[in-house]
Amino acid sequence: MLTTRDREGTPHGLTINAFSSLSLDPPLVMVAIDRGCTSVEAFEASGHYAVNILREEQRDLSIRFAELAEGRFTGVPWRPGVIGSPVIQGVLGVLECRTVQVVDAGDHRALIGAVVEVWIGQGRPLIFFNSNYTALT
């Protein structure tokens, strides 16, 4: 799940299928957001984002942030990360990133972020493969 906050402090988030490691030195990751997404401007303007890696028992949260147009954060416990992006309580891991470049890529905007903070917890990851949720065996 990808999260950020706008200049007024309002949290924004959406479910993403994947993120990619781009560089180890410096540590960079890339996420892509559909240009038609209503929150793409908030992600670009904020200058930061967090990749919240969900646990397998957080499937409902993944679906909620993929389907709800409004109120995604209602009742969802989170805290501001070190650079301000929402960090969802109970996730498996978090990569907090400062956006260093935005690239047009077909019908998406790719946000390249410098990783400024990493947190890794315990548990099993939520996996989405072949258009369905699945589990590690």
N, C-alpha and C. Protein backbone atom coordinates (compact mmCIF):
# COMPACT_ATOMS: atom_id res chain seq x y z
N MET A 1 0.84 -1.15 0.00
CA MET A 1 0.00 0.00 0.00
C MET A 1 0.90 1.23 0.00
N LEU A 2 0.50 2.23 -0.77
CA LEU A 2 1.28 3.46 -0.91
C LEU A 2 0.55 4.58 -0.18
N THR A 3 1.27 5.35 0.64
CA THR A 3 0.63 6.42 1.41
C THR A 3 1.45 7.70 1.35
N THR A 4 0.75 8.82 1.54
CA THR A 4 1.37 10.13 1.65
C THR A 4 0.41 11.05 2.38
N ARG A 5 0.84 12.26 2.67
CA ARG A 5 -0.05 13.30 3.22
C ARG A 5 0.15 14.56 2.41
N ASP A 6 -0.96 15.28 2.18
CA ASP A 6 -0.86 16.53 1.43
C ASP A 6 -0.41 17.65 2.35
N ARG A 7 -0.30 18.84 1.82
CA ARG A 7 0.22 19.99 2.59
C ARG A 7 -0.65 20.33 3.80
N GLU A 8 -1.95 19.99 3.74
CA GLU A 8 -2.85 20.24 4.86
C GLU A 8 -2.80 19.11 5.89
N GLY A 9 -2.05 18.05 5.61
CA GLY A 9 -1.92 16.93 6.53
C GLY A 9 -2.91 15.80 6.30
N THR A 10 -3.75 15.93 5.26
CA THR A 10 -4.72 14.89 4.95
C THR A 10 -4.02 13.67 4.38
N PRO A 11 -4.29 12.48 4.94
CA PRO A 11 -3.64 11.27 4.41
C PRO A 11 -4.28 10.81 3.10
N HIS A 12 -3.46 10.29 2.22
CA HIS A 12 -3.90 9.71 0.95
C HIS A 12 -3.23 8.35 0.84
N GLY A 13 -3.93 7.39 0.26
CA GLY A 13 -3.34 6.07 0.09
C GLY A 13 -4.04 5.28 -0.98
N LEU A 14 -3.33 4.29 -1.50
CA LEU A 14 -3.90 3.40 -2.50
C LEU A 14 -3.13 2.09 -2.48
N THR A 15 -3.81 1.06 -2.96
CA THR A 15 -3.18 -0.24 -3.07
C THR A 15 -2.38 -0.28 -4.36
N ILE A 16 -1.15 -0.75 -4.27
CA ILE A 16 -0.32 -0.93 -5.47
C ILE A 16 0.01 -2.42 -5.58
N ASN A 17 0.19 -2.85 -6.81
CA ASN A 17 0.52 -4.26 -7.03
C ASN A 17 1.98 -4.55 -6.77
N ALA A 18 2.83 -3.54 -6.98
CA ALA A 18 4.27 -3.80 -6.87
C ALA A 18 5.03 -2.49 -6.70
N PHE A 19 6.22 -2.63 -6.20
CA PHE A 19 7.21 -1.55 -6.22
C PHE A 19 8.51 -2.21 -6.61
N SER A 20 9.47 -1.40 -7.01
CA SER A 20 10.71 -1.98 -7.52
C SER A 20 11.93 -1.29 -6.92
N SER A 21 12.91 -2.08 -6.58
CA SER A 21 14.19 -1.55 -6.19
C SER A 21 14.89 -1.06 -7.45
N LEU A 22 15.40 0.15 -7.40
CA LEU A 22 16.04 0.74 -8.57
C LEU A 22 17.55 0.83 -8.41
N SER A 23 18.00 1.07 -7.18
CA SER A 23 19.43 1.27 -6.94
C SER A 23 19.74 0.94 -5.49
N LEU A 24 20.95 0.40 -5.27
CA LEU A 24 21.41 0.13 -3.90
C LEU A 24 22.23 1.28 -3.35
N ASP A 25 22.91 2.03 -4.23
CA ASP A 25 23.78 3.11 -3.78
C ASP A 25 23.63 4.31 -4.71
N PRO A 26 22.75 5.26 -4.39
CA PRO A 26 21.96 5.34 -3.17
C PRO A 26 20.74 4.43 -3.26
N PRO A 27 20.13 4.10 -2.11
CA PRO A 27 18.94 3.24 -2.15
C PRO A 27 17.75 3.99 -2.74
N LEU A 28 17.27 3.50 -3.89
CA LEU A 28 16.13 4.10 -4.57
C LEU A 28 15.09 3.03 -4.87
N VAL A 29 13.81 3.40 -4.75
CA VAL A 29 12.73 2.52 -5.16
C VAL A 29 11.80 3.30 -6.09
N MET A 30 11.03 2.54 -6.88
CA MET A 30 10.11 3.14 -7.82
C MET A 30 8.73 2.56 -7.63
N VAL A 31 7.73 3.43 -7.69
CA VAL A 31 6.32 3.02 -7.72
C VAL A 31 5.68 3.72 -8.91
N ALA A 32 4.62 3.13 -9.43
CA ALA A 32 3.92 3.73 -10.57
C ALA A 32 2.45 3.90 -10.22
N ILE A 33 1.92 5.09 -10.53
CA ILE A 33 0.52 5.41 -10.25
C ILE A 33 -0.15 5.78 -11.57
N ASP A 34 -1.30 5.20 -11.83
CA ASP A 34 -2.08 5.50 -13.02
C ASP A 34 -2.40 7.00 -13.04
N ARG A 35 -2.21 7.62 -14.21
CA ARG A 35 -2.50 9.05 -14.34
C ARG A 35 -3.93 9.40 -13.98
N GLY A 36 -4.86 8.46 -14.16
CA GLY A 36 -6.26 8.70 -13.87
C GLY A 36 -6.62 8.60 -12.40
N CYS A 37 -5.69 8.18 -11.57
CA CYS A 37 -5.92 8.03 -10.14
C CYS A 37 -6.16 9.41 -9.52
N THR A 38 -7.20 9.52 -8.70
CA THR A 38 -7.54 10.82 -8.11
C THR A 38 -6.48 11.36 -7.16
N SER A 39 -5.64 10.51 -6.61
CA SER A 39 -4.64 10.98 -5.64
C SER A 39 -3.24 11.14 -6.23
N VAL A 40 -3.07 10.97 -7.54
CA VAL A 40 -1.73 11.08 -8.12
C VAL A 40 -1.13 12.47 -7.86
N GLU A 41 -1.94 13.52 -7.92
CA GLU A 41 -1.43 14.87 -7.67
C GLU A 41 -0.96 15.03 -6.23
N ALA A 42 -1.67 14.43 -5.28
CA ALA A 42 -1.26 14.52 -3.87
C ALA A 42 0.10 13.86 -3.67
N PHE A 43 0.32 12.71 -4.33
CA PHE A 43 1.61 12.02 -4.21
C PHE A 43 2.73 12.84 -4.83
N GLU A 44 2.47 13.46 -5.97
CA GLU A 44 3.51 14.26 -6.61
C GLU A 44 3.82 15.52 -5.81
N ALA A 45 2.78 16.20 -5.33
CA ALA A 45 2.97 17.47 -4.62
C ALA A 45 3.61 17.30 -3.25
N SER A 46 3.36 16.17 -2.59
CA SER A 46 3.87 15.99 -1.22
C SER A 46 5.38 15.87 -1.17
N GLY A 47 5.96 15.24 -2.19
CA GLY A 47 7.41 15.06 -2.21
C GLY A 47 7.89 13.87 -1.39
N HIS A 48 6.94 13.05 -0.90
CA HIS A 48 7.33 11.88 -0.11
C HIS A 48 6.23 10.83 -0.17
N TYR A 49 6.61 9.60 0.12
CA TYR A 49 5.63 8.51 0.21
C TYR A 49 6.20 7.38 1.04
N ALA A 50 5.30 6.51 1.48
CA ALA A 50 5.70 5.31 2.22
C ALA A 50 5.11 4.10 1.52
N VAL A 51 5.92 3.08 1.35
CA VAL A 51 5.45 1.79 0.88
C VAL A 51 5.21 0.96 2.13
N ASN A 52 3.94 0.67 2.41
CA ASN A 52 3.54 -0.15 3.56
C ASN A 52 3.34 -1.57 3.05
N ILE A 53 4.15 -2.49 3.48
CA ILE A 53 4.07 -3.89 3.03
C ILE A 53 3.13 -4.62 3.97
N LEU A 54 2.02 -5.10 3.41
CA LEU A 54 0.97 -5.69 4.23
C LEU A 54 1.25 -7.14 4.61
N ARG A 55 0.72 -7.54 5.75
CA ARG A 55 0.75 -8.93 6.21
C ARG A 55 -0.39 -9.69 5.53
N GLU A 56 -0.28 -11.01 5.46
CA GLU A 56 -1.31 -11.79 4.77
C GLU A 56 -2.68 -11.63 5.41
N GLU A 57 -2.75 -11.33 6.70
CA GLU A 57 -4.06 -11.13 7.35
C GLU A 57 -4.63 -9.73 7.12
N GLN A 58 -3.96 -8.89 6.32
CA GLN A 58 -4.44 -7.55 6.02
C GLN A 58 -5.06 -7.43 4.62
N ARG A 59 -5.56 -8.53 4.13
CA ARG A 59 -6.19 -8.55 2.80
C ARG A 59 -7.33 -7.53 2.71
N ASP A 60 -8.17 -7.44 3.75
CA ASP A 60 -9.29 -6.49 3.73
C ASP A 60 -8.80 -5.05 3.58
N LEU A 61 -7.68 -4.75 4.19
CA LEU A 61 -7.10 -3.41 4.07
C LEU A 61 -6.65 -3.14 2.63
N SER A 62 -6.06 -4.13 2.01
CA SER A 62 -5.65 -4.01 0.61
C SER A 62 -6.86 -3.74 -0.29
N ILE A 63 -7.92 -4.50 -0.07
CA ILE A 63 -9.14 -4.33 -0.86
C ILE A 63 -9.76 -2.96 -0.60
N ARG A 64 -9.81 -2.55 0.65
CA ARG A 64 -10.38 -1.25 1.02
C ARG A 64 -9.67 -0.11 0.30
N PHE A 65 -8.34 -0.12 0.30
CA PHE A 65 -7.59 0.98 -0.33
C PHE A 65 -7.60 0.88 -1.85
N ALA A 66 -7.99 -0.26 -2.40
CA ALA A 66 -8.12 -0.41 -3.85
C ALA A 66 -9.50 0.01 -4.33
N GLU A 67 -10.53 -0.18 -3.50
CA GLU A 67 -11.91 0.02 -3.97
C GLU A 67 -12.57 1.30 -3.48
N LEU A 68 -12.32 1.71 -2.24
CA LEU A 68 -12.99 2.89 -1.71
C LEU A 68 -12.46 4.16 -2.36
N ALA A 69 -13.36 5.01 -2.78
CA ALA A 69 -12.93 6.30 -3.35
C ALA A 69 -12.68 7.32 -2.24
N GLU A 70 -13.47 7.28 -1.19
CA GLU A 70 -13.36 8.22 -0.07
C GLU A 70 -13.28 7.43 1.24
N GLY A 71 -12.70 8.04 2.26
CA GLY A 71 -12.71 7.46 3.59
C GLY A 71 -11.82 6.24 3.78
N ARG A 72 -10.80 6.10 2.99
CA ARG A 72 -9.93 4.93 3.09
C ARG A 72 -9.28 4.81 4.46
N PHE A 73 -8.94 5.95 5.08
CA PHE A 73 -8.24 5.93 6.36
C PHE A 73 -9.18 5.90 7.57
N THR A 74 -10.48 5.99 7.35
CA THR A 74 -11.43 6.01 8.46
C THR A 74 -11.31 4.71 9.27
N GLY A 75 -10.97 4.87 10.55
CA GLY A 75 -10.83 3.72 11.43
C GLY A 75 -9.55 2.92 11.26
N VAL A 76 -8.65 3.38 10.40
CA VAL A 76 -7.39 2.67 10.18
C VAL A 76 -6.30 3.35 11.02
N PRO A 77 -5.74 2.65 12.00
CA PRO A 77 -4.71 3.27 12.84
C PRO A 77 -3.40 3.45 12.08
N TRP A 78 -2.86 4.68 12.15
CA TRP A 78 -1.59 4.99 11.49
C TRP A 78 -0.90 6.09 12.29
N ARG A 79 0.38 6.23 11.99
CA ARG A 79 1.18 7.30 12.60
C ARG A 79 2.00 7.95 11.50
N PRO A 80 2.37 9.22 11.67
CA PRO A 80 3.26 9.84 10.68
C PRO A 80 4.65 9.22 10.76
N GLY A 81 5.22 8.90 9.62
CA GLY A 81 6.59 8.39 9.58
C GLY A 81 7.57 9.53 9.77
N VAL A 82 8.84 9.24 9.65
CA VAL A 82 9.88 10.24 9.90
C VAL A 82 9.83 11.42 8.93
N ILE A 83 9.28 11.22 7.73
CA ILE A 83 9.15 12.34 6.80
C ILE A 83 7.69 12.72 6.56
N GLY A 84 6.77 12.13 7.34
CA GLY A 84 5.39 12.56 7.31
C GLY A 84 4.38 11.63 6.67
N SER A 85 4.82 10.69 5.87
CA SER A 85 3.86 9.79 5.23
C SER A 85 3.23 8.86 6.25
N PRO A 86 1.94 8.52 6.07
CA PRO A 86 1.30 7.60 7.00
C PRO A 86 1.94 6.21 6.99
N VAL A 87 2.23 5.72 8.18
CA VAL A 87 2.71 4.36 8.37
C VAL A 87 1.57 3.61 9.05
N ILE A 88 1.04 2.61 8.36
CA ILE A 88 -0.11 1.86 8.84
C ILE A 88 0.32 0.92 9.97
N GLN A 89 -0.44 0.94 11.06
CA GLN A 89 -0.14 0.09 12.21
C GLN A 89 -0.27 -1.39 11.84
N GLY A 90 0.70 -2.18 12.27
CA GLY A 90 0.63 -3.62 12.12
C GLY A 90 1.11 -4.17 10.79
N VAL A 91 1.69 -3.33 9.93
CA VAL A 91 2.17 -3.83 8.65
C VAL A 91 3.45 -4.65 8.83
N LEU A 92 3.80 -5.39 7.80
CA LEU A 92 4.99 -6.24 7.83
C LEU A 92 6.28 -5.43 7.71
N GLY A 93 6.23 -4.36 6.94
CA GLY A 93 7.40 -3.53 6.75
C GLY A 93 7.04 -2.21 6.10
N VAL A 94 7.96 -1.26 6.19
CA VAL A 94 7.74 0.07 5.62
C VAL A 94 9.03 0.58 5.01
N LEU A 95 8.90 1.18 3.84
CA LEU A 95 9.99 1.94 3.20
C LEU A 95 9.50 3.37 3.09
N GLU A 96 10.13 4.28 3.80
CA GLU A 96 9.76 5.69 3.69
C GLU A 96 10.71 6.36 2.70
N CYS A 97 10.12 7.08 1.76
CA CYS A 97 10.91 7.63 0.65
C CYS A 97 10.63 9.11 0.41
N ARG A 98 11.69 9.82 0.04
CA ARG A 98 11.57 11.19 -0.42
C ARG A 98 11.63 11.14 -1.95
N THR A 99 10.62 11.70 -2.61
CA THR A 99 10.57 11.67 -4.07
C THR A 99 11.70 12.50 -4.66
N VAL A 100 12.50 11.88 -5.53
CA VAL A 100 13.61 12.58 -6.16
C VAL A 100 13.37 12.82 -7.65
N GLN A 101 12.43 12.07 -8.23
CA GLN A 101 12.14 12.25 -9.65
C GLN A 101 10.77 11.66 -9.97
N VAL A 102 10.05 12.32 -10.88
CA VAL A 102 8.78 11.81 -11.38
C VAL A 102 8.93 11.68 -12.89
N VAL A 103 8.59 10.50 -13.40
CA VAL A 103 8.81 10.20 -14.81
C VAL A 103 7.49 9.78 -15.46
N ASP A 104 7.18 10.33 -16.63
CA ASP A 104 6.05 9.85 -17.41
C ASP A 104 6.40 8.49 -17.97
N ALA A 105 5.49 7.53 -17.79
CA ALA A 105 5.71 6.17 -18.28
C ALA A 105 4.38 5.64 -18.81
N GLY A 106 4.10 5.87 -20.08
CA GLY A 106 2.84 5.45 -20.66
C GLY A 106 1.67 6.12 -19.97
N ASP A 107 0.72 5.33 -19.47
CA ASP A 107 -0.45 5.90 -18.79
C ASP A 107 -0.23 6.03 -17.29
N HIS A 108 1.02 5.93 -16.84
CA HIS A 108 1.36 6.04 -15.42
C HIS A 108 2.37 7.16 -15.19
N ARG A 109 2.47 7.56 -13.92
CA ARG A 109 3.53 8.45 -13.44
C ARG A 109 4.38 7.61 -12.51
N ALA A 110 5.66 7.50 -12.80
CA ALA A 110 6.57 6.73 -11.96
C ALA A 110 7.23 7.68 -10.96
N LEU A 111 7.12 7.35 -9.69
CA LEU A 111 7.75 8.14 -8.63
C LEU A 111 8.99 7.39 -8.16
N ILE A 112 10.13 8.01 -8.34
CA ILE A 112 11.39 7.44 -7.87
C ILE A 112 11.70 8.10 -6.53
N GLY A 113 11.91 7.26 -5.52
CA GLY A 113 12.12 7.78 -4.18
C GLY A 113 13.41 7.31 -3.56
N ALA A 114 14.07 8.24 -2.87
CA ALA A 114 15.26 7.90 -2.08
C ALA A 114 14.77 7.37 -0.73
N VAL A 115 15.19 6.18 -0.38
CA VAL A 115 14.76 5.56 0.87
C VAL A 115 15.47 6.26 2.03
N VAL A 116 14.67 6.79 2.96
CA VAL A 116 15.23 7.48 4.11
C VAL A 116 15.02 6.72 5.42
N GLU A 117 14.11 5.75 5.41
CA GLU A 117 13.84 4.97 6.62
C GLU A 117 13.27 3.61 6.21
N VAL A 118 13.69 2.57 6.91
CA VAL A 118 13.18 1.22 6.66
C VAL A 118 12.81 0.61 8.00
N TRP A 119 11.67 -0.05 8.03
CA TRP A 119 11.26 -0.79 9.21
C TRP A 119 10.77 -2.16 8.74
N ILE A 120 11.24 -3.22 9.39
CA ILE A 120 10.84 -4.58 9.03
C ILE A 120 10.35 -5.29 10.29
N GLY A 121 9.15 -5.89 10.19
CA GLY A 121 8.57 -6.61 11.31
C GLY A 121 8.60 -8.11 11.06
N GLN A 122 7.77 -8.81 11.79
CA GLN A 122 7.67 -10.26 11.69
C GLN A 122 6.32 -10.63 11.08
N GLY A 123 6.29 -11.73 10.36
CA GLY A 123 5.03 -12.21 9.82
C GLY A 123 5.19 -12.70 8.40
N ARG A 124 4.05 -12.95 7.77
CA ARG A 124 4.01 -13.44 6.40
C ARG A 124 3.41 -12.36 5.50
N PRO A 125 3.97 -12.15 4.31
CA PRO A 125 3.49 -11.08 3.43
C PRO A 125 2.18 -11.43 2.73
N LEU A 126 1.37 -10.41 2.48
CA LEU A 126 0.21 -10.55 1.63
C LEU A 126 0.72 -10.61 0.20
N ILE A 127 0.27 -11.60 -0.54
CA ILE A 127 0.76 -11.81 -1.91
C ILE A 127 -0.41 -11.73 -2.88
N PHE A 128 -0.22 -10.95 -3.94
CA PHE A 128 -1.19 -10.84 -5.02
C PHE A 128 -0.50 -11.32 -6.27
N PHE A 129 -0.97 -12.44 -6.82
CA PHE A 129 -0.33 -13.07 -7.97
C PHE A 129 -1.39 -13.61 -8.90
N ASN A 130 -1.19 -13.41 -10.20
CA ASN A 130 -2.11 -13.92 -11.21
C ASN A 130 -3.54 -13.45 -10.95
N SER A 131 -3.66 -12.15 -10.63
CA SER A 131 -4.96 -11.47 -10.38
C SER A 131 -5.74 -12.03 -9.21
N ASN A 132 -5.03 -12.57 -8.21
CA ASN A 132 -5.70 -13.12 -7.05
C ASN A 132 -4.77 -13.07 -5.83
N TYR A 133 -5.37 -13.03 -4.64
CA TYR A 133 -4.59 -13.12 -3.42
C TYR A 133 -4.23 -14.58 -3.19
N THR A 134 -3.01 -14.80 -2.71
CA THR A 134 -2.57 -16.16 -2.43
C THR A 134 -1.67 -16.12 -1.19
N ALA A 135 -1.21 -17.25 -0.77
CA ALA A 135 -0.33 -17.35 0.40
C ALA A 135 0.91 -18.15 0.05
N LEU A 136 1.96 -17.92 0.82
CA LEU A 136 3.15 -18.74 0.69
C LEU A 136 2.82 -20.14 1.18
N THR A 137 3.40 -21.14 0.55
CA THR A 137 3.15 -22.50 1.00
C THR A 137 4.36 -23.07 1.71
